[in-house]
Amino acid sequence: IFYVVFWLYAPAIVAEKKGISEAFARSRELTKGKRWQIFAILLIIFIG
């Protein structure tokens, strides 16, 4: 759950120049409502 919710912290830092806590909050905001789909993406990659 932690991995899926906060998966997008890096682009929030790279693109939006967010601080660390802000980047985690941004990732949580963007992934909300789409976490099962993100989990599916990660699962497919890790299975591969």
ModelCIF file with pLDDT and N, C-alpha, C, O atoms, coordinates in Angstrom:
data_MODEL
#
_entry.id   MODEL 
#
_entity.id                         1 
_entity.type                       polymer 
_entity.pdbx_number_of_molecules   1 
#
_entity_poly.entity_id                      1 
_entity_poly.type                           'polypeptide(L)' 
_entity_poly.nstd_linkage                   no 
_entity_poly.nstd_monomer                   no 
_entity_poly.pdbx_seq_one_letter_code       IFYVVFWLYAPAIVAEKKGISEAFARSRELTKGKRWQIFAILLIIFIG 
_entity_poly.pdbx_seq_one_letter_code_can   IFYVVFWLYAPAIVAEKKGISEAFARSRELTKGKRWQIFAILLIIFIG 
_entity_poly.pdbx_strand_id                 A 
#
loop_
_entity_poly_seq.entity_id 
_entity_poly_seq.num 
_entity_poly_seq.mon_id 
_entity_poly_seq.hetero 
1 1  ILE n 
1 2  PHE n 
1 3  TYR n 
1 4  VAL n 
1 5  VAL n 
1 6  PHE n 
1 7  TRP n 
1 8  LEU n 
1 9  TYR n 
1 10 ALA n 
1 11 PRO n 
1 12 ALA n 
1 13 ILE n 
1 14 VAL n 
1 15 ALA n 
1 16 GLU n 
1 17 LYS n 
1 18 LYS n 
1 19 GLY n 
1 20 ILE n 
1 21 SER n 
1 22 GLU n 
1 23 ALA n 
1 24 PHE n 
1 25 ALA n 
1 26 ARG n 
1 27 SER n 
1 28 ARG n 
1 29 GLU n 
1 30 LEU n 
1 31 THR n 
1 32 LYS n 
1 33 GLY n 
1 34 LYS n 
1 35 ARG n 
1 36 TRP n 
1 37 GLN n 
1 38 ILE n 
1 39 PHE n 
1 40 ALA n 
1 41 ILE n 
1 42 LEU n 
1 43 LEU n 
1 44 ILE n 
1 45 ILE n 
1 46 PHE n 
1 47 ILE n 
1 48 GLY n 
#
_struct_asym.id          A 
_struct_asym.entity_id   1 
#
loop_
_ma_qa_metric.id 
_ma_qa_metric.mode 
_ma_qa_metric.name 
_ma_qa_metric.software_group_id 
_ma_qa_metric.type 
1 global pLDDT . pLDDT 
2 local  pLDDT . pLDDT 
#
_ma_qa_metric_global.metric_id      1 
_ma_qa_metric_global.metric_value   94.21 
_ma_qa_metric_global.model_id       1 
_ma_qa_metric_global.ordinal_id     1 
#
loop_
_ma_qa_metric_local.label_asym_id 
_ma_qa_metric_local.label_comp_id 
_ma_qa_metric_local.label_seq_id 
_ma_qa_metric_local.metric_id 
_ma_qa_metric_local.metric_value 
_ma_qa_metric_local.model_id 
_ma_qa_metric_local.ordinal_id 
A ILE 1  2 92.00 1 1  
A PHE 2  2 93.00 1 2  
A TYR 3  2 93.00 1 3  
A VAL 4  2 95.00 1 4  
A VAL 5  2 95.00 1 5  
A PHE 6  2 95.00 1 6  
A TRP 7  2 94.00 1 7  
A LEU 8  2 96.00 1 8  
A TYR 9  2 95.00 1 9  
A ALA 10 2 95.00 1 10 
A PRO 11 2 94.00 1 11 
A ALA 12 2 95.00 1 12 
A ILE 13 2 95.00 1 13 
A VAL 14 2 92.00 1 14 
A ALA 15 2 91.00 1 15 
A GLU 16 2 91.00 1 16 
A LYS 17 2 90.00 1 17 
A LYS 18 2 93.00 1 18 
A GLY 19 2 93.00 1 19 
A ILE 20 2 94.00 1 20 
A SER 21 2 95.00 1 21 
A GLU 22 2 96.00 1 22 
A ALA 23 2 96.00 1 23 
A PHE 24 2 96.00 1 24 
A ALA 25 2 96.00 1 25 
A ARG 26 2 96.00 1 26 
A SER 27 2 96.00 1 27 
A ARG 28 2 96.00 1 28 
A GLU 29 2 96.00 1 29 
A LEU 30 2 96.00 1 30 
A THR 31 2 96.00 1 31 
A LYS 32 2 94.00 1 32 
A GLY 33 2 92.00 1 33 
A LYS 34 2 94.00 1 34 
A ARG 35 2 94.00 1 35 
A TRP 36 2 94.00 1 36 
A GLN 37 2 95.00 1 37 
A ILE 38 2 96.00 1 38 
A PHE 39 2 95.00 1 39 
A ALA 40 2 96.00 1 40 
A ILE 41 2 95.00 1 41 
A LEU 42 2 95.00 1 42 
A LEU 43 2 95.00 1 43 
A ILE 44 2 95.00 1 44 
A ILE 45 2 93.00 1 45 
A PHE 46 2 91.00 1 46 
A ILE 47 2 93.00 1 47 
A GLY 48 2 89.00 1 48 
#
loop_
_atom_site.group_PDB 
_atom_site.id 
_atom_site.type_symbol 
_atom_site.label_atom_id 
_atom_site.label_alt_id 
_atom_site.label_comp_id 
_atom_site.label_asym_id 
_atom_site.label_entity_id 
_atom_site.label_seq_id 
_atom_site.pdbx_PDB_ins_code 
_atom_site.Cartn_x 
_atom_site.Cartn_y 
_atom_site.Cartn_z 
_atom_site.occupancy 
_atom_site.B_iso_or_equiv 
_atom_site.pdbx_formal_charge 
_atom_site.auth_seq_id 
_atom_site.auth_comp_id 
_atom_site.auth_asym_id 
_atom_site.auth_atom_id 
_atom_site.pdbx_PDB_model_num 
ATOM 1   N N  . ILE A 1 1  ? 0.838  -1.205  0.000   1.00 92.00 ? 1  ILE A N  1 
ATOM 2   C CA . ILE A 1 1  ? 0.000  0.000   0.000   1.00 92.00 ? 1  ILE A CA 1 
ATOM 3   C C  . ILE A 1 1  ? 0.867  1.246   0.000   1.00 92.00 ? 1  ILE A C  1 
ATOM 4   O O  . ILE A 1 1  ? 0.628  2.171   -0.776  1.00 92.00 ? 1  ILE A O  1 
ATOM 5   N N  . PHE A 1 2  ? 1.878  1.277   0.870   1.00 93.00 ? 2  PHE A N  1 
ATOM 6   C CA . PHE A 1 2  ? 2.791  2.427   0.909   1.00 93.00 ? 2  PHE A CA 1 
ATOM 7   C C  . PHE A 1 2  ? 3.426  2.657   -0.462  1.00 93.00 ? 2  PHE A C  1 
ATOM 8   O O  . PHE A 1 2  ? 3.503  3.789   -0.939  1.00 93.00 ? 2  PHE A O  1 
ATOM 9   N N  . TYR A 1 3  ? 3.876  1.574   -1.086  1.00 93.00 ? 3  TYR A N  1 
ATOM 10  C CA . TYR A 1 3  ? 4.569  1.683   -2.367  1.00 93.00 ? 3  TYR A CA 1 
ATOM 11  C C  . TYR A 1 3  ? 3.648  2.252   -3.443  1.00 93.00 ? 3  TYR A C  1 
ATOM 12  O O  . TYR A 1 3  ? 4.056  3.115   -4.221  1.00 93.00 ? 3  TYR A O  1 
ATOM 13  N N  . VAL A 1 4  ? 2.407  1.769   -3.486  1.00 95.00 ? 4  VAL A N  1 
ATOM 14  C CA . VAL A 1 4  ? 1.448  2.226   -4.494  1.00 95.00 ? 4  VAL A CA 1 
ATOM 15  C C  . VAL A 1 4  ? 1.052  3.685   -4.255  1.00 95.00 ? 4  VAL A C  1 
ATOM 16  O O  . VAL A 1 4  ? 1.038  4.488   -5.188  1.00 95.00 ? 4  VAL A O  1 
ATOM 17  N N  . VAL A 1 5  ? 0.732  4.025   -3.011  1.00 95.00 ? 5  VAL A N  1 
ATOM 18  C CA . VAL A 1 5  ? 0.257  5.371   -2.681  1.00 95.00 ? 5  VAL A CA 1 
ATOM 19  C C  . VAL A 1 5  ? 1.324  6.421   -2.981  1.00 95.00 ? 5  VAL A C  1 
ATOM 20  O O  . VAL A 1 5  ? 1.012  7.500   -3.484  1.00 95.00 ? 5  VAL A O  1 
ATOM 21  N N  . PHE A 1 6  ? 2.579  6.107   -2.672  1.00 95.00 ? 6  PHE A N  1 
ATOM 22  C CA . PHE A 1 6  ? 3.647  7.101   -2.800  1.00 95.00 ? 6  PHE A CA 1 
ATOM 23  C C  . PHE A 1 6  ? 4.540  6.880   -4.015  1.00 95.00 ? 6  PHE A C  1 
ATOM 24  O O  . PHE A 1 6  ? 5.650  7.409   -4.071  1.00 95.00 ? 6  PHE A O  1 
ATOM 25  N N  . TRP A 1 7  ? 4.072  6.113   -4.977  1.00 94.00 ? 7  TRP A N  1 
ATOM 26  C CA . TRP A 1 7  ? 4.878  5.748   -6.135  1.00 94.00 ? 7  TRP A CA 1 
ATOM 27  C C  . TRP A 1 7  ? 5.298  6.967   -6.968  1.00 94.00 ? 7  TRP A C  1 
ATOM 28  O O  . TRP A 1 7  ? 6.331  6.928   -7.638  1.00 94.00 ? 7  TRP A O  1 
ATOM 29  N N  . LEU A 1 8  ? 4.514  8.037   -6.932  1.00 96.00 ? 8  LEU A N  1 
ATOM 30  C CA . LEU A 1 8  ? 4.756  9.187   -7.804  1.00 96.00 ? 8  LEU A CA 1 
ATOM 31  C C  . LEU A 1 8  ? 5.495  10.329  -7.103  1.00 96.00 ? 8  LEU A C  1 
ATOM 32  O O  . LEU A 1 8  ? 5.435  11.473  -7.553  1.00 96.00 ? 8  LEU A O  1 
ATOM 33  N N  . TYR A 1 9  ? 6.187  10.026  -6.010  1.00 95.00 ? 9  TYR A N  1 
ATOM 34  C CA . TYR A 1 9  ? 6.900  11.102  -5.310  1.00 95.00 ? 9  TYR A CA 1 
ATOM 35  C C  . TYR A 1 9  ? 7.998  11.707  -6.185  1.00 95.00 ? 9  TYR A C  1 
ATOM 36  O O  . TYR A 1 9  ? 8.212  12.919  -6.157  1.00 95.00 ? 9  TYR A O  1 
ATOM 37  N N  . ALA A 1 10 ? 8.701  10.868  -6.968  1.00 95.00 ? 10 ALA A N  1 
ATOM 38  C CA . ALA A 1 10 ? 9.841  11.359  -7.752  1.00 95.00 ? 10 ALA A CA 1 
ATOM 39  C C  . ALA A 1 10 ? 9.439  12.366  -8.823  1.00 95.00 ? 10 ALA A C  1 
ATOM 40  O O  . ALA A 1 10 ? 10.065 13.424  -8.902  1.00 95.00 ? 10 ALA A O  1 
ATOM 41  N N  . PRO A 1 11 ? 8.419  12.096  -9.660  1.00 94.00 ? 11 PRO A N  1 
ATOM 42  C CA . PRO A 1 11 ? 8.040  13.119  -10.639 1.00 94.00 ? 11 PRO A CA 1 
ATOM 43  C C  . PRO A 1 11 ? 7.502  14.393  -9.997  1.00 94.00 ? 11 PRO A C  1 
ATOM 44  O O  . PRO A 1 11 ? 7.621  15.475  -10.572 1.00 94.00 ? 11 PRO A O  1 
ATOM 45  N N  . ALA A 1 12 ? 6.914  14.272  -8.811  1.00 95.00 ? 12 ALA A N  1 
ATOM 46  C CA . ALA A 1 12 ? 6.459  15.482  -8.112  1.00 95.00 ? 12 ALA A CA 1 
ATOM 47  C C  . ALA A 1 12 ? 7.647  16.355  -7.728  1.00 95.00 ? 12 ALA A C  1 
ATOM 48  O O  . ALA A 1 12 ? 7.555  17.583  -7.744  1.00 95.00 ? 12 ALA A O  1 
ATOM 49  N N  . ILE A 1 13 ? 8.765  15.716  -7.381  1.00 95.00 ? 13 ILE A N  1 
ATOM 50  C CA . ILE A 1 13 ? 9.981  16.467  -7.057  1.00 95.00 ? 13 ILE A CA 1 
ATOM 51  C C  . ILE A 1 13 ? 10.633 17.002  -8.330  1.00 95.00 ? 13 ILE A C  1 
ATOM 52  O O  . ILE A 1 13 ? 11.025 18.167  -8.393  1.00 95.00 ? 13 ILE A O  1 
ATOM 53  N N  . VAL A 1 14 ? 10.745 16.146  -9.339  1.00 92.00 ? 14 VAL A N  1 
ATOM 54  C CA . VAL A 1 14 ? 11.439 16.518  -10.572 1.00 92.00 ? 14 VAL A CA 1 
ATOM 55  C C  . VAL A 1 14 ? 10.688 17.605  -11.334 1.00 92.00 ? 14 VAL A C  1 
ATOM 56  O O  . VAL A 1 14 ? 11.285 18.591  -11.766 1.00 92.00 ? 14 VAL A O  1 
ATOM 57  N N  . ALA A 1 15 ? 9.377  17.425  -11.500 1.00 91.00 ? 15 ALA A N  1 
ATOM 58  C CA . ALA A 1 15 ? 8.601  18.344  -12.338 1.00 91.00 ? 15 ALA A CA 1 
ATOM 59  C C  . ALA A 1 15 ? 8.071  19.549  -11.577 1.00 91.00 ? 15 ALA A C  1 
ATOM 60  O O  . ALA A 1 15 ? 8.043  20.658  -12.109 1.00 91.00 ? 15 ALA A O  1 
ATOM 61  N N  . GLU A 1 16 ? 7.648  19.336  -10.327 1.00 91.00 ? 16 GLU A N  1 
ATOM 62  C CA . GLU A 1 16 ? 6.985  20.410  -9.585  1.00 91.00 ? 16 GLU A CA 1 
ATOM 63  C C  . GLU A 1 16 ? 7.864  21.019  -8.498  1.00 91.00 ? 16 GLU A C  1 
ATOM 64  O O  . GLU A 1 16 ? 7.441  21.936  -7.793  1.00 91.00 ? 16 GLU A O  1 
ATOM 65  N N  . LYS A 1 17 ? 9.097  20.506  -8.363  1.00 90.00 ? 17 LYS A N  1 
ATOM 66  C CA . LYS A 1 17 ? 10.034 21.011  -7.358  1.00 90.00 ? 17 LYS A CA 1 
ATOM 67  C C  . LYS A 1 17 ? 9.452  20.941  -5.943  1.00 90.00 ? 17 LYS A C  1 
ATOM 68  O O  . LYS A 1 17 ? 9.701  21.822  -5.120  1.00 90.00 ? 17 LYS A O  1 
ATOM 69  N N  . LYS A 1 18 ? 8.682  19.896  -5.668  1.00 93.00 ? 18 LYS A N  1 
ATOM 70  C CA . LYS A 1 18 ? 8.096  19.726  -4.347  1.00 93.00 ? 18 LYS A CA 1 
ATOM 71  C C  . LYS A 1 18 ? 9.166  19.311  -3.334  1.00 93.00 ? 18 LYS A C  1 
ATOM 72  O O  . LYS A 1 18 ? 10.161 18.676  -3.683  1.00 93.00 ? 18 LYS A O  1 
ATOM 73  N N  . GLY A 1 19 ? 8.935  19.687  -2.071  1.00 93.00 ? 19 GLY A N  1 
ATOM 74  C CA . GLY A 1 19 ? 9.747  19.167  -0.997  1.00 93.00 ? 19 GLY A CA 1 
ATOM 75  C C  . GLY A 1 19 ? 9.356  17.731  -0.723  1.00 93.00 ? 19 GLY A C  1 
ATOM 76  O O  . GLY A 1 19 ? 8.431  17.203  -1.340  1.00 93.00 ? 19 GLY A O  1 
ATOM 77  N N  . ILE A 1 20 ? 10.055 17.102  0.197   1.00 94.00 ? 20 ILE A N  1 
ATOM 78  C CA . ILE A 1 20 ? 9.846  15.673  0.428   1.00 94.00 ? 20 ILE A CA 1 
ATOM 79  C C  . ILE A 1 20 ? 8.431  15.377  0.919   1.00 94.00 ? 20 ILE A C  1 
ATOM 80  O O  . ILE A 1 20 ? 7.737  14.546  0.333   1.00 94.00 ? 20 ILE A O  1 
ATOM 81  N N  . SER A 1 21 ? 7.998  16.042  1.980   1.00 95.00 ? 21 SER A N  1 
ATOM 82  C CA . SER A 1 21 ? 6.648  15.788  2.497   1.00 95.00 ? 21 SER A CA 1 
ATOM 83  C C  . SER A 1 21 ? 5.589  16.208  1.480   1.00 95.00 ? 21 SER A C  1 
ATOM 84  O O  . SER A 1 21 ? 4.556  15.552  1.347   1.00 95.00 ? 21 SER A O  1 
ATOM 85  N N  . GLU A 1 22 ? 5.846  17.298  0.768   1.00 96.00 ? 22 GLU A N  1 
ATOM 86  C CA . GLU A 1 22 ? 4.902  17.749  -0.254  1.00 96.00 ? 22 GLU A CA 1 
ATOM 87  C C  . GLU A 1 22 ? 4.822  16.743  -1.401  1.00 96.00 ? 22 GLU A C  1 
ATOM 88  O O  . GLU A 1 22 ? 3.750  16.528  -1.965  1.00 96.00 ? 22 GLU A O  1 
ATOM 89  N N  . ALA A 1 23 ? 5.953  16.129  -1.747  1.00 96.00 ? 23 ALA A N  1 
ATOM 90  C CA . ALA A 1 23 ? 5.967  15.152  -2.830  1.00 96.00 ? 23 ALA A CA 1 
ATOM 91  C C  . ALA A 1 23 ? 5.147  13.919  -2.465  1.00 96.00 ? 23 ALA A C  1 
ATOM 92  O O  . ALA A 1 23 ? 4.416  13.387  -3.301  1.00 96.00 ? 23 ALA A O  1 
ATOM 93  N N  . PHE A 1 24 ? 5.266  13.462  -1.212  1.00 96.00 ? 24 PHE A N  1 
ATOM 94  C CA . PHE A 1 24 ? 4.460  12.328  -0.771  1.00 96.00 ? 24 PHE A CA 1 
ATOM 95  C C  . PHE A 1 24 ? 2.973  12.688  -0.770  1.00 96.00 ? 24 PHE A C  1 
ATOM 96  O O  . PHE A 1 24 ? 2.134  11.881  -1.170  1.00 96.00 ? 24 PHE A O  1 
ATOM 97  N N  . ALA A 1 25 ? 2.656  13.901  -0.321  1.00 96.00 ? 25 ALA A N  1 
ATOM 98  C CA . ALA A 1 25 ? 1.259  14.339  -0.316  1.00 96.00 ? 25 ALA A CA 1 
ATOM 99  C C  . ALA A 1 25 ? 0.718  14.442  -1.741  1.00 96.00 ? 25 ALA A C  1 
ATOM 100 O O  . ALA A 1 25 ? -0.429 14.086  -2.009  1.00 96.00 ? 25 ALA A O  1 
ATOM 101 N N  . ARG A 1 26 ? 1.556  14.930  -2.641  1.00 96.00 ? 26 ARG A N  1 
ATOM 102 C CA . ARG A 1 26 ? 1.155  15.055  -4.042  1.00 96.00 ? 26 ARG A CA 1 
ATOM 103 C C  . ARG A 1 26 ? 0.896  13.690  -4.660  1.00 96.00 ? 26 ARG A C  1 
ATOM 104 O O  . ARG A 1 26 ? -0.075 13.508  -5.394  1.00 96.00 ? 26 ARG A O  1 
ATOM 105 N N  . SER A 1 27 ? 1.771  12.727  -4.362  1.00 96.00 ? 27 SER A N  1 
ATOM 106 C CA . SER A 1 27 ? 1.582  11.371  -4.866  1.00 96.00 ? 27 SER A CA 1 
ATOM 107 C C  . SER A 1 27 ? 0.296  10.763  -4.320  1.00 96.00 ? 27 SER A C  1 
ATOM 108 O O  . SER A 1 27 ? -0.457 10.120  -5.052  1.00 96.00 ? 27 SER A O  1 
ATOM 109 N N  . ARG A 1 28 ? 0.052  10.970  -3.044  1.00 96.00 ? 28 ARG A N  1 
ATOM 110 C CA . ARG A 1 28 ? -1.173 10.453  -2.442  1.00 96.00 ? 28 ARG A CA 1 
ATOM 111 C C  . ARG A 1 28 ? -2.407 11.050  -3.118  1.00 96.00 ? 28 ARG A C  1 
ATOM 112 O O  . ARG A 1 28 ? -3.403 10.362  -3.338  1.00 96.00 ? 28 ARG A O  1 
ATOM 113 N N  . GLU A 1 29 ? -2.325 12.338  -3.441  1.00 96.00 ? 29 GLU A N  1 
ATOM 114 C CA . GLU A 1 29 ? -3.441 13.023  -4.102  1.00 96.00 ? 29 GLU A CA 1 
ATOM 115 C C  . GLU A 1 29 ? -3.674 12.472  -5.512  1.00 96.00 ? 29 GLU A C  1 
ATOM 116 O O  . GLU A 1 29 ? -4.810 12.201  -5.901  1.00 96.00 ? 29 GLU A O  1 
ATOM 117 N N  . LEU A 1 30 ? -2.581 12.311  -6.274  1.00 96.00 ? 30 LEU A N  1 
ATOM 118 C CA . LEU A 1 30 ? -2.717 11.874  -7.660  1.00 96.00 ? 30 LEU A CA 1 
ATOM 119 C C  . LEU A 1 30 ? -3.145 10.416  -7.773  1.00 96.00 ? 30 LEU A C  1 
ATOM 120 O O  . LEU A 1 30 ? -3.892 10.058  -8.684  1.00 96.00 ? 30 LEU A O  1 
ATOM 121 N N  . THR A 1 31 ? -2.681 9.576   -6.858  1.00 96.00 ? 31 THR A N  1 
ATOM 122 C CA . THR A 1 31 ? -3.006 8.150   -6.944  1.00 96.00 ? 31 THR A CA 1 
ATOM 123 C C  . THR A 1 31 ? -4.384 7.816   -6.380  1.00 96.00 ? 31 THR A C  1 
ATOM 124 O O  . THR A 1 31 ? -4.901 6.723   -6.612  1.00 96.00 ? 31 THR A O  1 
ATOM 125 N N  . LYS A 1 32 ? -4.972 8.739   -5.652  1.00 94.00 ? 32 LYS A N  1 
ATOM 126 C CA . LYS A 1 32 ? -6.277 8.470   -5.039  1.00 94.00 ? 32 LYS A CA 1 
ATOM 127 C C  . LYS A 1 32 ? -7.305 8.101   -6.108  1.00 94.00 ? 32 LYS A C  1 
ATOM 128 O O  . LYS A 1 32 ? -7.447 8.798   -7.112  1.00 94.00 ? 32 LYS A O  1 
ATOM 129 N N  . GLY A 1 33 ? -8.007 7.017   -5.883  1.00 92.00 ? 33 GLY A N  1 
ATOM 130 C CA . GLY A 1 33 ? -9.027 6.556   -6.815  1.00 92.00 ? 33 GLY A CA 1 
ATOM 131 C C  . GLY A 1 33 ? -8.477 5.745   -7.973  1.00 92.00 ? 33 GLY A C  1 
ATOM 132 O O  . GLY A 1 33 ? -9.248 5.192   -8.758  1.00 92.00 ? 33 GLY A O  1 
ATOM 133 N N  . LYS A 1 34 ? -7.144 5.661   -8.098  1.00 94.00 ? 34 LYS A N  1 
ATOM 134 C CA . LYS A 1 34 ? -6.527 4.930   -9.210  1.00 94.00 ? 34 LYS A CA 1 
ATOM 135 C C  . LYS A 1 34 ? -5.529 3.885   -8.712  1.00 94.00 ? 34 LYS A C  1 
ATOM 136 O O  . LYS A 1 34 ? -4.713 3.386   -9.487  1.00 94.00 ? 34 LYS A O  1 
ATOM 137 N N  . ARG A 1 35 ? -5.593 3.558   -7.439  1.00 94.00 ? 35 ARG A N  1 
ATOM 138 C CA . ARG A 1 35 ? -4.533 2.729   -6.850  1.00 94.00 ? 35 ARG A CA 1 
ATOM 139 C C  . ARG A 1 35 ? -4.589 1.273   -7.280  1.00 94.00 ? 35 ARG A C  1 
ATOM 140 O O  . ARG A 1 35 ? -3.550 0.618   -7.364  1.00 94.00 ? 35 ARG A O  1 
ATOM 141 N N  . TRP A 1 36 ? -5.773 0.756   -7.553  1.00 94.00 ? 36 TRP A N  1 
ATOM 142 C CA . TRP A 1 36 ? -5.847 -0.612  -8.039  1.00 94.00 ? 36 TRP A CA 1 
ATOM 143 C C  . TRP A 1 36 ? -5.223 -0.721  -9.424  1.00 94.00 ? 36 TRP A C  1 
ATOM 144 O O  . TRP A 1 36 ? -4.563 -1.711  -9.739  1.00 94.00 ? 36 TRP A O  1 
ATOM 145 N N  . GLN A 1 37 ? -5.435 0.307   -10.255 1.00 95.00 ? 37 GLN A N  1 
ATOM 146 C CA . GLN A 1 37 ? -4.816 0.312   -11.580 1.00 95.00 ? 37 GLN A CA 1 
ATOM 147 C C  . GLN A 1 37 ? -3.300 0.412   -11.475 1.00 95.00 ? 37 GLN A C  1 
ATOM 148 O O  . GLN A 1 37 ? -2.574 -0.260  -12.208 1.00 95.00 ? 37 GLN A O  1 
ATOM 149 N N  . ILE A 1 38 ? -2.820 1.262   -10.553 1.00 96.00 ? 38 ILE A N  1 
ATOM 150 C CA . ILE A 1 38 ? -1.378 1.384   -10.350 1.00 96.00 ? 38 ILE A CA 1 
ATOM 151 C C  . ILE A 1 38 ? -0.808 0.068   -9.825  1.00 96.00 ? 38 ILE A C  1 
ATOM 152 O O  . ILE A 1 38 ? 0.265  -0.361  -10.246 1.00 96.00 ? 38 ILE A O  1 
ATOM 153 N N  . PHE A 1 39 ? -1.521 -0.559  -8.917  1.00 95.00 ? 39 PHE A N  1 
ATOM 154 C CA . PHE A 1 39 ? -1.095 -1.865  -8.420  1.00 95.00 ? 39 PHE A CA 1 
ATOM 155 C C  . PHE A 1 39 ? -0.984 -2.864  -9.573  1.00 95.00 ? 39 PHE A C  1 
ATOM 156 O O  . PHE A 1 39 ? -0.047 -3.662  -9.615  1.00 95.00 ? 39 PHE A O  1 
ATOM 157 N N  . ALA A 1 40 ? -1.933 -2.822  -10.503 1.00 96.00 ? 40 ALA A N  1 
ATOM 158 C CA . ALA A 1 40 ? -1.898 -3.725  -11.658 1.00 96.00 ? 40 ALA A CA 1 
ATOM 159 C C  . ALA A 1 40 ? -0.668 -3.458  -12.523 1.00 96.00 ? 40 ALA A C  1 
ATOM 160 O O  . ALA A 1 40 ? -0.019 -4.394  -12.989 1.00 96.00 ? 40 ALA A O  1 
ATOM 161 N N  . ILE A 1 41 ? -0.348 -2.183  -12.735 1.00 95.00 ? 41 ILE A N  1 
ATOM 162 C CA . ILE A 1 41 ? 0.844  -1.827  -13.511 1.00 95.00 ? 41 ILE A CA 1 
ATOM 163 C C  . ILE A 1 41 ? 2.096  -2.399  -12.844 1.00 95.00 ? 41 ILE A C  1 
ATOM 164 O O  . ILE A 1 41 ? 2.925  -3.035  -13.495 1.00 95.00 ? 41 ILE A O  1 
ATOM 165 N N  . LEU A 1 42 ? 2.219  -2.165  -11.546 1.00 95.00 ? 42 LEU A N  1 
ATOM 166 C CA . LEU A 1 42 ? 3.393  -2.650  -10.817 1.00 95.00 ? 42 LEU A CA 1 
ATOM 167 C C  . LEU A 1 42 ? 3.453  -4.173  -10.808 1.00 95.00 ? 42 LEU A C  1 
ATOM 168 O O  . LEU A 1 42 ? 4.524  -4.761  -10.955 1.00 95.00 ? 42 LEU A O  1 
ATOM 169 N N  . LEU A 1 43 ? 2.303  -4.802  -10.636 1.00 95.00 ? 43 LEU A N  1 
ATOM 170 C CA . LEU A 1 43 ? 2.264  -6.265  -10.598 1.00 95.00 ? 43 LEU A CA 1 
ATOM 171 C C  . LEU A 1 43 ? 2.730  -6.851  -11.927 1.00 95.00 ? 43 LEU A C  1 
ATOM 172 O O  . LEU A 1 43 ? 3.505  -7.808  -11.949 1.00 95.00 ? 43 LEU A O  1 
ATOM 173 N N  . ILE A 1 44 ? 2.262  -6.282  -13.027 1.00 95.00 ? 44 ILE A N  1 
ATOM 174 C CA . ILE A 1 44 ? 2.660  -6.764  -14.350 1.00 95.00 ? 44 ILE A CA 1 
ATOM 175 C C  . ILE A 1 44 ? 4.172  -6.617  -14.543 1.00 95.00 ? 44 ILE A C  1 
ATOM 176 O O  . ILE A 1 44 ? 4.830  -7.528  -15.045 1.00 95.00 ? 44 ILE A O  1 
ATOM 177 N N  . ILE A 1 45 ? 4.714  -5.467  -14.142 1.00 93.00 ? 45 ILE A N  1 
ATOM 178 C CA . ILE A 1 45 ? 6.156  -5.240  -14.297 1.00 93.00 ? 45 ILE A CA 1 
ATOM 179 C C  . ILE A 1 45 ? 6.957  -6.199  -13.427 1.00 93.00 ? 45 ILE A C  1 
ATOM 180 O O  . ILE A 1 45 ? 7.949  -6.766  -13.884 1.00 93.00 ? 45 ILE A O  1 
ATOM 181 N N  . PHE A 1 46 ? 6.536  -6.386  -12.176 1.00 91.00 ? 46 PHE A N  1 
ATOM 182 C CA . PHE A 1 46 ? 7.285  -7.261  -11.275 1.00 91.00 ? 46 PHE A CA 1 
ATOM 183 C C  . PHE A 1 46 ? 7.164  -8.729  -11.674 1.00 91.00 ? 46 PHE A C  1 
ATOM 184 O O  . PHE A 1 46 ? 8.107  -9.499  -11.489 1.00 91.00 ? 46 PHE A O  1 
ATOM 185 N N  . ILE A 1 47 ? 6.010  -9.123  -12.221 1.00 93.00 ? 47 ILE A N  1 
ATOM 186 C CA . ILE A 1 47 ? 5.877  -10.498 -12.714 1.00 93.00 ? 47 ILE A CA 1 
ATOM 187 C C  . ILE A 1 47 ? 6.834  -10.713 -13.887 1.00 93.00 ? 47 ILE A C  1 
ATOM 188 O O  . ILE A 1 47 ? 7.492  -11.748 -13.986 1.00 93.00 ? 47 ILE A O  1 
ATOM 189 N N  . GLY A 1 48 ? 6.899  -9.714  -14.775 1.00 89.00 ? 48 GLY A N  1 
ATOM 190 C CA . GLY A 1 48 ? 7.844  -9.804  -15.887 1.00 89.00 ? 48 GLY A CA 1 
ATOM 191 C C  . GLY A 1 48 ? 9.275  -9.905  -15.404 1.00 89.00 ? 48 GLY A C  1 
ATOM 192 O O  . GLY A 1 48 ? 10.196 -9.988  -16.217 1.00 89.00 ? 48 GLY A O  1 
#
